[in-house]
Amino acid sequence: MSGHHHDHDHDDVDAGPPLGDLQLRVRALESLLVDKGLVDPTALDTLIDTYETKVGPRNGARVVAKAWIDPKYRQRLLENASTAIAELGYIGRQGEDMVVLENTPKVHNMVVCTLCSCYPWPVLGLPPVWYKAAPYRSRAVIDPRGVLKEFGVTVPDDVEVRVWDSTAELRYLVLPERPAGTEGLREEQLAELVTRDAMIGTGKVEAPRPKAKR
């Protein structure tokens, strides 16, 4: 396990994260709105999915794309992630203190929060359900290669896997490797390729498939 760690016992990691007062209020409000027919649970699930997988991660994708295009920005990002990310206007609660981890041909970084679900909201939006689940939080530490394989990411034996434990004080963003064959793409086009999972380290960025000839 790399980086800064929570001061807690990992033996208790399989217990689900306790709900805080705010979370309990949100759950109660959600149930009330659904029971009264004021909110369609399907529409609510769709809205949450949008912020988890589309709107939120787009900020992080723009950070990654700019780092791929602009070597000076990439250097600033690796040296002082919080300041460099703020340059693009992405600041706010849950993202005050950031560290960017660069994937290379010899190192693959992966992020977990073993205590609860600390997550960089300003750049990745809402955390996915699996990130908060006890199996991921425990197995990512014990068997990171096995977990990555389940996500469809096979890491060669000669590549080091580093697992970083997010805390309430420090959050991480993975800077994935730029895929080959994207040298001619603009920054906006590159951002479209970057996925949320790639910025957590449970995915890789794939080059766009060539369009079929008619």
Foldseek 3Di string as FASTA:
>chain_A
DDDDADPDDLVPLQDAADDDPVRVVVVVVVVVCVVVVNDDVVVVVVVQVCQQWPDQQLLQLLLLLCVVVPVVLVVVCQVAVQVSSCVVVQDDALANAEHEAEDDLAEFEAEAASRAQRARCSNRNDHDPVRGHSVCSNCCVVPVQVQLVVLVDHRDPRHHYHYDHDDSVYHYWYNADQDPPCVPPDSVVSSVQDTSCVRRRSDHGDDDDDDDDD
